[in-house]
C-alpha atoms as a PDB file:
ATOM      1  CA  MET A   1       0.000   0.000   0.000  1.00  0.00           C
ATOM      2  CA  LYS A   2       2.850   2.368   0.844  1.00  0.00           C
ATOM      3  CA  GLU A   3       4.588   1.472  -2.426  1.00  0.00           C
ATOM      4  CA  LYS A   4       1.413   2.268  -4.398  1.00  0.00           C
ATOM      5  CA  THR A   5       1.012   5.586  -2.594  1.00  0.00           C
ATOM      6  CA  PHE A   6       4.658   6.419  -3.350  1.00  0.00           C
ATOM      7  CA  ARG A   7       4.227   5.700  -7.056  1.00  0.00           C
ATOM      8  CA  ILE A   8       1.066   7.830  -7.279  1.00  0.00           C
ATOM      9  CA  GLY A   9       2.882  10.638  -5.481  1.00  0.00           C
ATOM     10  CA  ASN A  10       5.768  10.443  -7.942  1.00  0.00           C
ATOM     11  CA  TRP A  11       3.365  10.495 -10.879  1.00  0.00           C
ATOM     12  CA  LEU A  12       1.556  13.580  -9.533  1.00  0.00           C
ATOM     13  CA  SER A  13       4.861  15.334  -8.899  1.00  0.00           C
ATOM     14  CA  ALA A  14       5.976  14.610 -12.450  1.00  0.00           C
ATOM     15  CA  VAL A  15       2.724  16.007 -13.852  1.00  0.00           C
ATOM     16  CA  ILE A  16       3.048  19.176 -11.759  1.00  0.00           C
ATOM     17  CA  VAL A  17       6.674  19.719 -12.793  1.00  0.00           C
ATOM     18  CA  LEU A  18       5.828  19.113 -16.461  1.00  0.00           C
ATOM     19  CA  THR A  19       2.936  21.584 -16.248  1.00  0.00           C
ATOM     20  CA  ILE A  20       5.127  24.261 -14.655  1.00  0.00           C
ATOM     21  CA  VAL A  21       7.852  23.746 -17.266  1.00  0.00           C
ATOM     22  CA  THR A  22       5.293  23.998 -20.078  1.00  0.00           C
ATOM     23  CA  ILE A  23       3.726  27.177 -18.686  1.00  0.00           C
ATOM     24  CA  CYS A  24       7.108  28.815 -18.181  1.00  0.00           C
ATOM     25  CA  ALA A  25       8.260  27.822 -21.648  1.00  0.00           C
ATOM     26  CA  VAL A  26       5.377  29.503 -23.501  1.00  0.00           C
ATOM     27  CA  PRO A  27       6.420  33.148 -23.095  1.00  0.00           C
ATOM     28  CA  LEU A  28      10.055  32.203 -23.673  1.00  0.00           C
ATOM     29  CA  SER A  29       9.161  30.522 -26.993  1.00  0.00           C
ATOM     30  CA  ALA A  30       7.042  33.514 -28.001  1.00  0.00           C
ATOM     31  CA  GLN A  31       9.927  35.833 -27.177  1.00  0.00           C
ATOM     32  CA  GLU A  32      12.419  33.728 -29.148  1.00  0.00           C
ATOM     33  CA  ALA A  33      10.073  33.697 -32.137  1.00  0.00           C
ATOM     34  CA  ARG A  34      10.326  37.484 -32.499  1.00  0.00           C
ATOM     35  CA  THR A  35      13.041  38.733 -34.838  1.00  0.00           C
ATOM     36  CA  LYS A  36      15.434  41.172 -33.166  1.00  0.00           C
ATOM     37  CA  ILE A  37      16.312  44.230 -35.250  1.00  0.00           C
ATOM     38  CA  ARG A  38      17.940  47.621 -34.694  1.00  0.00           C
ATOM     39  CA  ILE A  39      16.625  50.832 -36.260  1.00  0.00           C
ATOM     40  CA  SER A  40      18.436  54.169 -36.063  1.00  0.00           C
ATOM     41  CA  TYR A  41      16.581  57.482 -35.945  1.00  0.00           C
ATOM     42  CA  PRO A  42      18.015  61.022 -36.223  1.00  0.00           C
ATOM     43  CA  ASN A  43      16.108  62.863 -33.491  1.00  0.00           C
ATOM     44  CA  THR A  44      13.006  62.838 -31.319  1.00  0.00           C
ATOM     45  CA  SER A  45      10.699  64.776 -33.604  1.00  0.00           C
ATOM     46  CA  ILE A  46       7.629  64.419 -35.768  1.00  0.00           C
ATOM     47  CA  CYS A  47       9.720  62.804 -38.535  1.00  0.00           C
ATOM     48  CA  CYS A  48       9.914  59.566 -36.548  1.00  0.00           C
ATOM     49  CA  LEU A  49       6.448  59.526 -35.019  1.00  0.00           C
ATOM     50  CA  ALA A  50       5.447  56.283 -36.762  1.00  0.00           C
ATOM     51  CA  LEU A  51       8.534  54.537 -35.359  1.00  0.00           C
ATOM     52  CA  PHE A  52       7.740  55.681 -31.813  1.00  0.00           C
ATOM     53  CA  ALA A  53       4.087  54.652 -32.204  1.00  0.00           C
ATOM     54  CA  ALA A  54       4.961  51.216 -33.588  1.00  0.00           C
ATOM     55  CA  GLN A  55       7.182  50.613 -30.552  1.00  0.00           C
ATOM     56  CA  GLN A  56       5.044  52.054 -27.789  1.00  0.00           C
ATOM     57  CA  TRP A  57       1.761  50.663 -29.118  1.00  0.00           C
ATOM     58  CA  LYS A  58       3.419  47.226 -29.565  1.00  0.00           C
ATOM     59  CA  ILE A  59       2.665  47.063 -33.284  1.00  0.00           C
ATOM     60  CA  PHE A  60       6.144  45.711 -33.965  1.00  0.00           C
ATOM     61  CA  GLU A  61       5.514  42.916 -31.455  1.00  0.00           C
ATOM     62  CA  GLN A  62       2.194  42.074 -33.127  1.00  0.00           C
ATOM     63  CA  ASN A  63       4.171  41.494 -36.316  1.00  0.00           C
ATOM     64  CA  GLY A  64       6.808  39.288 -34.681  1.00  0.00           C
ATOM     65  CA  LEU A  65       9.528  41.919 -34.247  1.00  0.00           C
ATOM     66  CA  GLU A  66      11.611  42.965 -31.255  1.00  0.00           C
ATOM     67  CA  VAL A  67      12.923  46.424 -32.116  1.00  0.00           C
ATOM     68  CA  GLU A  68      15.739  48.374 -30.534  1.00  0.00           C
ATOM     69  CA  SER A  69      15.730  52.017 -31.672  1.00  0.00           C
ATOM     70  CA  ILE A  70      18.994  53.972 -31.452  1.00  0.00           C
ATOM     71  CA  GLN A  71      19.407  57.719 -31.940  1.00  0.00           C
ATOM     72  CA  MET A  72      22.220  58.493 -34.397  1.00  0.00           C
ATOM     73  CA  ARG A  73      23.292  61.327 -36.646  1.00  0.00           C
ATOM     74  CA  SER A  74      22.849  60.599 -40.345  1.00  0.00           C
ATOM     75  CA  GLN A  75      26.550  60.055 -41.106  1.00  0.00           C
ATOM     76  CA  ALA A  76      26.948  57.677 -38.162  1.00  0.00           C
ATOM     77  CA  ALA A  77      23.811  55.786 -39.207  1.00  0.00           C
ATOM     78  CA  ASN A  78      25.153  55.318 -42.733  1.00  0.00           C
ATOM     79  CA  SER A  79      28.403  53.879 -41.360  1.00  0.00           C
ATOM     80  CA  ALA A  80      26.497  51.607 -38.968  1.00  0.00           C
ATOM     81  CA  LEU A  81      24.293  50.356 -41.805  1.00  0.00           C
ATOM     82  CA  ALA A  82      27.362  49.625 -43.933  1.00  0.00           C
ATOM     83  CA  GLY A  83      28.887  47.639 -41.065  1.00  0.00           C
ATOM     84  CA  SER A  84      25.625  45.806 -40.255  1.00  0.00           C
ATOM     85  CA  ASP A  85      25.624  47.308 -36.756  1.00  0.00           C
ATOM     86  CA  ILE A  86      22.085  48.456 -37.457  1.00  0.00           C
ATOM     87  CA  HIS A  87      19.552  46.927 -39.823  1.00  0.00           C
ATOM     88  CA  TYR A  88      17.418  49.923 -40.823  1.00  0.00           C
ATOM     89  CA  VAL A  89      17.725  53.713 -40.936  1.00  0.00           C
ATOM     90  CA  ALA A  90      14.589  55.703 -40.094  1.00  0.00           C
ATOM     91  CA  GLY A  91      14.948  58.433 -42.670  1.00  0.00           C
ATOM     92  CA  VAL A  92      14.927  59.233 -46.366  1.00  0.00           C
ATOM     93  CA  GLY A  93      16.571  62.474 -47.411  1.00  0.00           C
ATOM     94  CA  PRO A  94      19.618  64.118 -48.992  1.00  0.00           C
ATOM     95  CA  ASN A  95      22.087  62.449 -46.597  1.00  0.00           C
ATOM     96  CA  SER A  96      20.779  58.906 -47.115  1.00  0.00           C
ATOM     97  CA  VAL A  97      20.436  59.313 -50.897  1.00  0.00           C
ATOM     98  CA  ALA A  98      23.906  60.859 -51.182  1.00  0.00           C
ATOM     99  CA  ALA A  99      25.326  57.886 -49.267  1.00  0.00           C
ATOM    100  CA  THR A 100      23.627  55.507 -51.713  1.00  0.00           C
ATOM    101  CA  LEU A 101      25.006  57.389 -54.715  1.00  0.00           C
ATOM    102  CA  ARG A 102      28.499  57.336 -53.195  1.00  0.00           C
ATOM    103  CA  GLY A 103      28.454  53.559 -53.009  1.00  0.00           C
ATOM    104  CA  LEU A 104      26.533  52.510 -49.895  1.00  0.00           C
ATOM    105  CA  PRO A 105      24.448  49.534 -51.119  1.00  0.00           C
ATOM    106  CA  SER A 106      21.074  50.815 -49.886  1.00  0.00           C
ATOM    107  CA  ARG A 107      17.671  51.978 -51.083  1.00  0.00           C
ATOM    108  CA  ALA A 108      14.782  54.100 -49.809  1.00  0.00           C
ATOM    109  CA  VAL A 109      11.866  51.715 -49.256  1.00  0.00           C
ATOM    110  CA  TRP A 110       9.185  53.704 -47.401  1.00  0.00           C
ATOM    111  CA  PHE A 111       8.042  57.319 -46.923  1.00  0.00           C
ATOM    112  CA  ALA A 112       6.669  58.495 -43.571  1.00  0.00           C
ATOM    113  CA  SER A 113       5.336  61.598 -45.338  1.00  0.00           C
ATOM    114  CA  GLU A 114       5.831  63.532 -48.552  1.00  0.00           C
ATOM    115  CA  GLN A 115       5.724  67.027 -47.084  1.00  0.00           C
ATOM    116  CA  LEU A 116       8.211  68.816 -44.892  1.00  0.00           C
ATOM    117  CA  ILE A 117       7.114  70.600 -41.723  1.00  0.00           C
ATOM    118  CA  TYR A 118       9.696  73.395 -41.618  1.00  0.00           C
ATOM    119  CA  SER A 119       9.271  77.157 -41.158  1.00  0.00           C
ATOM    120  CA  VAL A 120      11.610  80.136 -41.132  1.00  0.00           C
ATOM    121  CA  MET A 121      10.888  81.960 -37.867  1.00  0.00           C
ATOM    122  CA  ALA A 122      12.315  85.438 -37.328  1.00  0.00           C
ATOM    123  CA  ARG A 123      12.600  87.937 -34.529  1.00  0.00           C
ATOM    124  CA  PRO A 124       9.499  90.178 -34.307  1.00  0.00           C
ATOM    125  CA  GLU A 125      11.196  93.229 -35.860  1.00  0.00           C
ATOM    126  CA  PHE A 126      11.538  91.414 -39.204  1.00  0.00           C
ATOM    127  CA  LYS A 127       8.337  91.407 -41.228  1.00  0.00           C
ATOM    128  CA  SER A 128       9.489  89.920 -44.568  1.00  0.00           C
ATOM    129  CA  LEU A 129      12.196  87.796 -46.129  1.00  0.00           C
ATOM    130  CA  LYS A 130      13.429  90.890 -47.945  1.00  0.00           C
ATOM    131  CA  GLU A 131      14.283  92.439 -44.578  1.00  0.00           C
ATOM    132  CA  LEU A 132      16.275  89.298 -43.704  1.00  0.00           C
ATOM    133  CA  ARG A 133      18.697  89.641 -46.639  1.00  0.00           C
ATOM    134  CA  GLY A 134      22.248  89.738 -45.334  1.00  0.00           C
ATOM    135  CA  LYS A 135      21.069  88.437 -41.964  1.00  0.00           C
ATOM    136  CA  ARG A 136      21.677  85.104 -40.257  1.00  0.00           C
ATOM    137  CA  ILE A 137      19.374  82.077 -40.593  1.00  0.00           C
ATOM    138  CA  GLY A 138      20.168  79.257 -38.204  1.00  0.00           C
ATOM    139  CA  ILE A 139      19.713  75.715 -39.537  1.00  0.00           C
ATOM    140  CA  THR A 140      20.414  72.295 -38.045  1.00  0.00           C
ATOM    141  CA  GLY A 141      22.945  71.093 -40.612  1.00  0.00           C
ATOM    142  CA  LEU A 142      24.640  72.289 -43.768  1.00  0.00           C
ATOM    143  CA  GLY A 143      24.129  69.871 -46.659  1.00  0.00           C
ATOM    144  CA  GLY A 144      21.238  68.046 -45.007  1.00  0.00           C
ATOM    145  CA  THR A 145      17.494  68.112 -45.572  1.00  0.00           C
ATOM    146  CA  SER A 146      16.988  71.391 -43.712  1.00  0.00           C
ATOM    147  CA  ASP A 147      19.680  73.163 -45.730  1.00  0.00           C
ATOM    148  CA  VAL A 148      18.583  72.084 -49.193  1.00  0.00           C
ATOM    149  CA  ALA A 149      14.869  72.468 -48.426  1.00  0.00           C
ATOM    150  CA  LEU A 150      15.478  76.056 -47.324  1.00  0.00           C
ATOM    151  CA  ARG A 151      17.394  76.833 -50.528  1.00  0.00           C
ATOM    152  CA  ILE A 152      14.645  75.363 -52.720  1.00  0.00           C
ATOM    153  CA  ALA A 153      11.913  77.244 -50.837  1.00  0.00           C
ATOM    154  CA  LEU A 154      13.789  80.550 -51.036  1.00  0.00           C
ATOM    155  CA  GLU A 155      14.174  80.154 -54.792  1.00  0.00           C
ATOM    156  CA  ALA A 156      10.489  79.217 -55.087  1.00  0.00           C
ATOM    157  CA  VAL A 157       9.459  82.576 -53.581  1.00  0.00           C
ATOM    158  CA  GLY A 158      11.896  84.563 -55.707  1.00  0.00           C
ATOM    159  CA  GLU A 159      14.767  84.910 -53.256  1.00  0.00           C
ATOM    160  CA  ASN A 160      18.430  84.071 -53.849  1.00  0.00           C
ATOM    161  CA  PRO A 161      19.784  81.767 -51.090  1.00  0.00           C
ATOM    162  CA  LYS A 162      23.162  83.499 -51.436  1.00  0.00           C
ATOM    163  CA  ASP A 163      21.605  86.690 -50.071  1.00  0.00           C
ATOM    164  CA  PHE A 164      21.278  85.073 -46.628  1.00  0.00           C
ATOM    165  CA  VAL A 165      23.894  83.912 -44.117  1.00  0.00           C
ATOM    166  CA  LEU A 166      23.230  80.255 -43.196  1.00  0.00           C
ATOM    167  CA  ILE A 167      24.664  79.108 -39.860  1.00  0.00           C
ATOM    168  CA  SER A 168      24.650  75.501 -38.638  1.00  0.00           C
ATOM    169  CA  LEU A 169      23.473  75.085 -35.038  1.00  0.00           C
ATOM    170  CA  GLY A 170      21.936  72.386 -32.863  1.00  0.00           C
ATOM    171  CA  ASN A 171      18.207  72.504 -32.127  1.00  0.00           C
ATOM    172  CA  PRO A 172      18.610  73.954 -28.591  1.00  0.00           C
ATOM    173  CA  GLN A 173      20.931  76.693 -29.911  1.00  0.00           C
ATOM    174  CA  LEU A 174      18.417  77.710 -32.602  1.00  0.00           C
ATOM    175  CA  MET A 175      15.821  78.785 -30.067  1.00  0.00           C
ATOM    176  CA  SER A 176      18.293  80.323 -27.609  1.00  0.00           C
ATOM    177  CA  GLY A 177      19.992  82.145 -30.493  1.00  0.00           C
ATOM    178  CA  LEU A 178      16.681  83.654 -31.570  1.00  0.00           C
ATOM    179  CA  GLU A 179      15.893  84.737 -28.022  1.00  0.00           C
ATOM    180  CA  SER A 180      19.310  86.311 -27.415  1.00  0.00           C
ATOM    181  CA  GLY A 181      19.561  87.946 -30.847  1.00  0.00           C
ATOM    182  CA  ALA A 182      22.670  85.955 -31.774  1.00  0.00           C
ATOM    183  CA  ILE A 183      20.761  85.026 -34.957  1.00  0.00           C
ATOM    184  CA  GLU A 184      17.977  86.996 -36.593  1.00  0.00           C
ATOM    185  CA  SER A 185      16.009  83.955 -37.758  1.00  0.00           C
ATOM    186  CA  ALA A 186      15.999  80.174 -37.725  1.00  0.00           C
ATOM    187  CA  GLN A 187      14.587  77.334 -39.741  1.00  0.00           C
ATOM    188  CA  LEU A 188      12.561  75.313 -37.245  1.00  0.00           C
ATOM    189  CA  ASN A 189      10.676  72.065 -37.512  1.00  0.00           C
ATOM    190  CA  SER A 190       7.840  70.847 -35.341  1.00  0.00           C
ATOM    191  CA  PRO A 191       7.540  71.375 -32.355  1.00  0.00           C
ATOM    192  CA  LEU A 192      10.074  74.237 -32.202  1.00  0.00           C
ATOM    193  CA  ASN A 193       8.136  76.292 -34.757  1.00  0.00           C
ATOM    194  CA  TYR A 194       5.046  76.258 -32.516  1.00  0.00           C
ATOM    195  CA  GLN A 195       7.072  77.083 -29.428  1.00  0.00           C
ATOM    196  CA  ALA A 196       8.645  80.006 -31.301  1.00  0.00           C
ATOM    197  CA  LYS A 197       5.213  81.349 -32.283  1.00  0.00           C
ATOM    198  CA  LYS A 198       4.087  81.211 -28.642  1.00  0.00           C
ATOM    199  CA  LYS A 199       7.134  83.306 -27.729  1.00  0.00           C
ATOM    200  CA  GLY A 200       6.249  85.983 -30.264  1.00  0.00           C
ATOM    201  CA  PHE A 201       8.549  85.118 -33.154  1.00  0.00           C
ATOM    202  CA  ARG A 202       7.212  85.627 -36.666  1.00  0.00           C
ATOM    203  CA  GLU A 203       6.807  82.999 -39.425  1.00  0.00           C
ATOM    204  CA  LEU A 204       8.227  84.377 -42.675  1.00  0.00           C
ATOM    205  CA  LEU A 205       8.321  81.217 -44.809  1.00  0.00           C
ATOM    206  CA  ASP A 206       6.387  77.945 -44.752  1.00  0.00           C
ATOM    207  CA  ILE A 207       8.950  75.696 -46.398  1.00  0.00           C
ATOM    208  CA  GLY A 208       6.627  72.697 -46.661  1.00  0.00           C
ATOM    209  CA  ALA A 209       4.272  74.700 -48.886  1.00  0.00           C
ATOM    210  CA  HIS A 210       7.023  75.021 -51.501  1.00  0.00           C
ATOM    211  CA  VAL A 211       9.029  71.793 -51.232  1.00  0.00           C
ATOM    212  CA  GLN A 212       7.575  68.348 -51.962  1.00  0.00           C
ATOM    213  CA  MET A 213      10.197  66.197 -50.278  1.00  0.00           C
ATOM    214  CA  PRO A 214       9.894  63.193 -47.926  1.00  0.00           C
ATOM    215  CA  LEU A 215      10.047  63.811 -44.187  1.00  0.00           C
ATOM    216  CA  GLY A 216      11.131  60.594 -42.506  1.00  0.00           C
ATOM    217  CA  GLY A 217      10.867  57.120 -43.946  1.00  0.00           C
ATOM    218  CA  LEU A 218      13.030  54.022 -44.078  1.00  0.00           C
ATOM    219  CA  THR A 219      16.325  53.263 -45.808  1.00  0.00           C
ATOM    220  CA  VAL A 220      17.687  49.699 -45.853  1.00  0.00           C
ATOM    221  CA  SER A 221      20.618  47.764 -47.207  1.00  0.00           C
ATOM    222  CA  ASN A 222      20.285  45.967 -50.511  1.00  0.00           C
ATOM    223  CA  SER A 223      21.053  42.703 -48.741  1.00  0.00           C
ATOM    224  CA  ALA A 224      17.976  43.162 -46.515  1.00  0.00           C
ATOM    225  CA  ILE A 225      15.801  43.608 -49.604  1.00  0.00           C
ATOM    226  CA  GLN A 226      17.298  40.560 -51.307  1.00  0.00           C
ATOM    227  CA  ASN A 227      17.862  38.183 -48.401  1.00  0.00           C
ATOM    228  CA  ARG A 228      15.276  39.197 -45.760  1.00  0.00           C
ATOM    229  CA  PRO A 229      12.197  40.341 -47.693  1.00  0.00           C
ATOM    230  CA  GLY A 230       9.810  38.734 -45.178  1.00  0.00           C
ATOM    231  CA  GLU A 231      11.384  40.605 -42.275  1.00  0.00           C
ATOM    232  CA  LEU A 232      11.397  43.864 -44.236  1.00  0.00           C
ATOM    233  CA  LYS A 233       7.739  43.421 -45.089  1.00  0.00           C
ATOM    234  CA  ARG A 234       6.874  43.010 -41.397  1.00  0.00           C
ATOM    235  CA  VAL A 235       8.822  46.196 -40.592  1.00  0.00           C
ATOM    236  CA  LEU A 236       7.012  48.187 -43.280  1.00  0.00           C
ATOM    237  CA  LEU A 237       3.662  46.716 -42.283  1.00  0.00           C
ATOM    238  CA  SER A 238       4.268  47.790 -38.681  1.00  0.00           C
ATOM    239  CA  LEU A 239       5.268  51.318 -39.664  1.00  0.00           C
ATOM    240  CA  GLN A 240       2.349  51.787 -42.040  1.00  0.00           C
ATOM    241  CA  MET A 241      -0.103  50.421 -39.471  1.00  0.00           C
ATOM    242  CA  ALA A 242       1.336  52.865 -36.923  1.00  0.00           C
ATOM    243  CA  LYS A 243       1.106  55.708 -39.407  1.00  0.00           C
ATOM    244  CA  ARG A 244      -2.563  54.920 -40.057  1.00  0.00           C
ATOM    245  CA  ALA A 245      -3.312  54.690 -36.325  1.00  0.00           C
ATOM    246  CA  LEU A 246      -1.649  58.078 -35.760  1.00  0.00           C
ATOM    247  CA  LEU A 247      -4.022  59.676 -38.242  1.00  0.00           C
ATOM    248  CA  GLN A 248      -7.149  57.988 -36.928  1.00  0.00           C
ATOM    249  CA  SER A 249      -6.887  58.493 -33.158  1.00  0.00           C
ATOM    250  CA  LYS A 250      -6.353  62.119 -32.123  1.00  0.00           C
ATOM    251  CA  GLU A 251      -6.328  61.647 -28.347  1.00  0.00           C
ATOM    252  CA  LYS A 252      -4.034  58.638 -28.451  1.00  0.00           C
ATOM    253  CA  THR A 253      -1.653  60.434 -30.825  1.00  0.00           C
ATOM    254  CA  VAL A 254      -1.620  63.645 -28.795  1.00  0.00           C
ATOM    255  CA  ASP A 255      -0.798  61.623 -25.664  1.00  0.00           C
ATOM    256  CA  LEU A 256       2.073  59.917 -27.532  1.00  0.00           C
ATOM    257  CA  ILE A 257       3.461  63.266 -28.710  1.00  0.00           C
ATOM    258  CA  VAL A 258       3.273  64.744 -25.195  1.00  0.00           C
ATOM    259  CA  ARG A 259       5.117  61.749 -23.687  1.00  0.00           C
ATOM    260  CA  THR A 260       7.683  61.148 -26.429  1.00  0.00           C
ATOM    261  CA  ILE A 261       8.533  64.590 -27.802  1.00  0.00           C
ATOM    262  CA  ARG A 262       7.911  66.232 -24.413  1.00  0.00           C
ATOM    263  CA  VAL A 263       5.765  69.197 -25.389  1.00  0.00           C
ATOM    264  CA  ASP A 264       2.652  70.648 -23.792  1.00  0.00           C
ATOM    265  CA  ARG A 265      -0.775  69.511 -24.905  1.00  0.00           C
ATOM    266  CA  GLU A 266      -1.516  72.639 -26.961  1.00  0.00           C
ATOM    267  CA  VAL A 267       1.630  72.186 -29.057  1.00  0.00           C
ATOM    268  CA  ALA A 268       0.942  68.444 -29.352  1.00  0.00           C
ATOM    269  CA  GLN A 269      -2.492  69.181 -30.798  1.00  0.00           C
ATOM    270  CA  ASP A 270      -0.939  71.523 -33.393  1.00  0.00           C
ATOM    271  CA  MET A 271       1.563  68.783 -34.254  1.00  0.00           C
ATOM    272  CA  PHE A 272      -1.277  66.304 -34.710  1.00  0.00           C
ATOM    273  CA  VAL A 273      -2.862  68.606 -37.313  1.00  0.00           C
ATOM    274  CA  ASP A 274       0.496  68.976 -39.088  1.00  0.00           C
ATOM    275  CA  ASN A 275       0.983  65.223 -39.112  1.00  0.00           C
ATOM    276  CA  GLN A 276      -2.485  64.676 -40.558  1.00  0.00           C
ATOM    277  CA  ARG A 277      -1.648  67.004 -43.416  1.00  0.00           C
ATOM    278  CA  ALA A 278       1.851  65.713 -44.100  1.00  0.00           C
ATOM    279  CA  ALA A 279       1.625  61.980 -43.374  1.00  0.00           C
ATOM    280  CA  ALA A 280      -1.592  61.046 -45.168  1.00  0.00           C
ATOM    281  CA  GLY A 281      -0.595  58.508 -47.801  1.00  0.00           C
ATOM    282  CA  HIS A 282       0.324  54.916 -48.528  1.00  0.00           C
ATOM    283  CA  GLY A 283       4.051  55.179 -47.808  1.00  0.00           C
ATOM    284  CA  VAL A 284       5.210  53.968 -51.224  1.00  0.00           C
ATOM    285  CA  PRO A 285       8.297  55.962 -52.325  1.00  0.00           C
ATOM    286  CA  SER A 286       7.382  58.260 -55.218  1.00  0.00           C
ATOM    287  CA  ARG A 287       9.458  59.290 -58.188  1.00  0.00           C
ATOM    288  CA  GLU A 288       8.595  62.937 -57.537  1.00  0.00           C
ATOM    289  CA  GLY A 289       9.830  62.807 -53.951  1.00  0.00           C
ATOM    290  CA  MET A 290      13.093  61.105 -54.854  1.00  0.00           C
ATOM    291  CA  GLU A 291      13.657  63.466 -57.791  1.00  0.00           C
ATOM    292  CA  GLN A 292      13.279  66.413 -55.416  1.00  0.00           C
ATOM    293  CA  ILE A 293      15.984  64.954 -53.167  1.00  0.00           C
ATOM    294  CA  VAL A 294      18.317  64.500 -56.149  1.00  0.00           C
ATOM    295  CA  LYS A 295      17.586  68.056 -57.278  1.00  0.00           C
ATOM    296  CA  SER A 296      18.446  69.334 -53.820  1.00  0.00           C
ATOM    297  CA  LEU A 297      21.795  67.523 -53.899  1.00  0.00           C
ATOM    298  CA  GLN A 298      22.589  68.905 -57.334  1.00  0.00           C
ATOM    299  CA  MET A 299      21.816  72.402 -56.055  1.00  0.00           C
ATOM    300  CA  LEU A 300      24.665  71.859 -53.600  1.00  0.00           C
ATOM    301  CA  GLY A 301      26.988  70.876 -56.456  1.00  0.00           C
ATOM    302  CA  GLN A 302      26.799  67.131 -55.851  1.00  0.00           C
ATOM    303  CA  PHE A 303      26.234  64.631 -58.689  1.00  0.00           C
ATOM    304  CA  SER A 304      25.731  67.552 -61.087  1.00  0.00           C
ATOM    305  CA  GLY A 305      24.984  66.769 -64.716  1.00  0.00           C
ATOM    306  CA  LYS A 306      24.123  63.157 -63.896  1.00  0.00           C
ATOM    307  CA  LYS A 307      20.690  61.674 -64.543  1.00  0.00           C
ATOM    308  CA  ILE A 308      19.929  59.408 -61.618  1.00  0.00           C
ATOM    309  CA  PRO A 309      17.482  56.548 -62.291  1.00  0.00           C
ATOM    310  CA  PHE A 310      14.767  56.103 -59.655  1.00  0.00           C
ATOM    311  CA  GLU A 311      15.695  52.406 -59.309  1.00  0.00           C
ATOM    312  CA  GLU A 312      19.240  53.366 -58.310  1.00  0.00           C
ATOM    313  CA  ILE A 313      18.077  55.068 -55.114  1.00  0.00           C
ATOM    314  CA  ALA A 314      14.674  53.565 -54.242  1.00  0.00           C
ATOM    315  CA  ASP A 315      12.867  50.220 -54.221  1.00  0.00           C
ATOM    316  CA  PRO A 316       9.094  50.582 -53.716  1.00  0.00           C
ATOM    317  CA  ARG A 317       8.111  46.949 -54.315  1.00  0.00           C
ATOM    318  CA  ILE A 318       7.563  45.748 -50.743  1.00  0.00           C
ATOM    319  CA  ALA A 319       5.937  49.015 -49.638  1.00  0.00           C
ATOM    320  CA  ARG A 320       3.564  48.610 -52.574  1.00  0.00           C
ATOM    321  CA  GLU A 321       2.668  45.075 -51.441  1.00  0.00           C
ATOM    322  CA  VAL A 322       1.999  46.308 -47.906  1.00  0.00           C
ATOM    323  CA  ALA A 323      -0.117  49.234 -49.075  1.00  0.00           C
ATOM    324  CA  LYS A 324      -2.288  46.988 -51.255  1.00  0.00           C
ATOM    325  CA  GLU A 325      -2.793  44.509 -48.397  1.00  0.00           C
ATOM    326  CA  LEU A 326      -3.885  47.362 -46.134  1.00  0.00           C
ATOM    327  CA  GLY A 327      -6.435  48.538 -48.696  1.00  0.00           C
ATOM    328  CA  TYR A 328      -4.725  51.611 -50.147  1.00  0.00           C
ATOM    329  CA  LYS A 329      -5.334  52.453 -53.790  1.00  0.00           C
ATOM    330  CA  ILE A 330      -2.053  52.348 -55.680  1.00  0.00           C
ATOM    331  CA  ASN A 331      -1.672  53.808 -59.165  1.00  0.00           C
END
């Protein structure tokens, strides 16, 4: 009788142990099933809102991805992509396209938006761009998106970019420079443009109204396109789903902007409106957008006289698949 009791006890213990092991193994297996990837992003601004949303709202996880996002300057991100230290670069612009044309085996595969959200904000005593001639305009980087977009917009309104003094400064220095008078004006993106308006500075040029160029997006290595198309598709699906959710849910998006970009609710609501205007779309890279980037580079004297085929700098195939699956109409 004791022997029988002992055997039953052993059997029950084995069942309990097996059950515990099985329960504990489930989340571990689910975690191991997710593909780990690293995505760089240039700054905490509206350009990368879809990336932040896809992470914080667990859209990446829903699509089997475990994403580590790393803030990097564009040049550092290009080097990291070349060395496979990161897998994706959150951005499509003059820096990423120039890197591709200089030999980095990469392509633009997704647009976060096709309209820039940049403004030239000036001290209150300046009432027109004409009054700014010969004065200083602070920008975040010479040769980057902000620089070339400003030049294109100035030409579009009949001004010569050479009539202005462009100075490269970091974002914090742009606002403090305006306030101290160290610079007379600055090219600001969201949310700094709204904060400048609240402080009494004057908008003299809406750059986005004159420049059709991508703001944010995704650039990847050619090897990712060729060898990991399934993974890339899940990344693009996550980003496009996040982009759609950002447009559809005002309160949820405003809360995300307040937490992530660290602005007050009034500014976050203005940014939501800007994002609705700029980010509506299917995300498929367009010829027009890429041509505008090439034009901007040629304005700076790079790749002049060379006709650059769209296929040499962009690959829209997987973004097109994703857009069709999500119900977007693609021409």
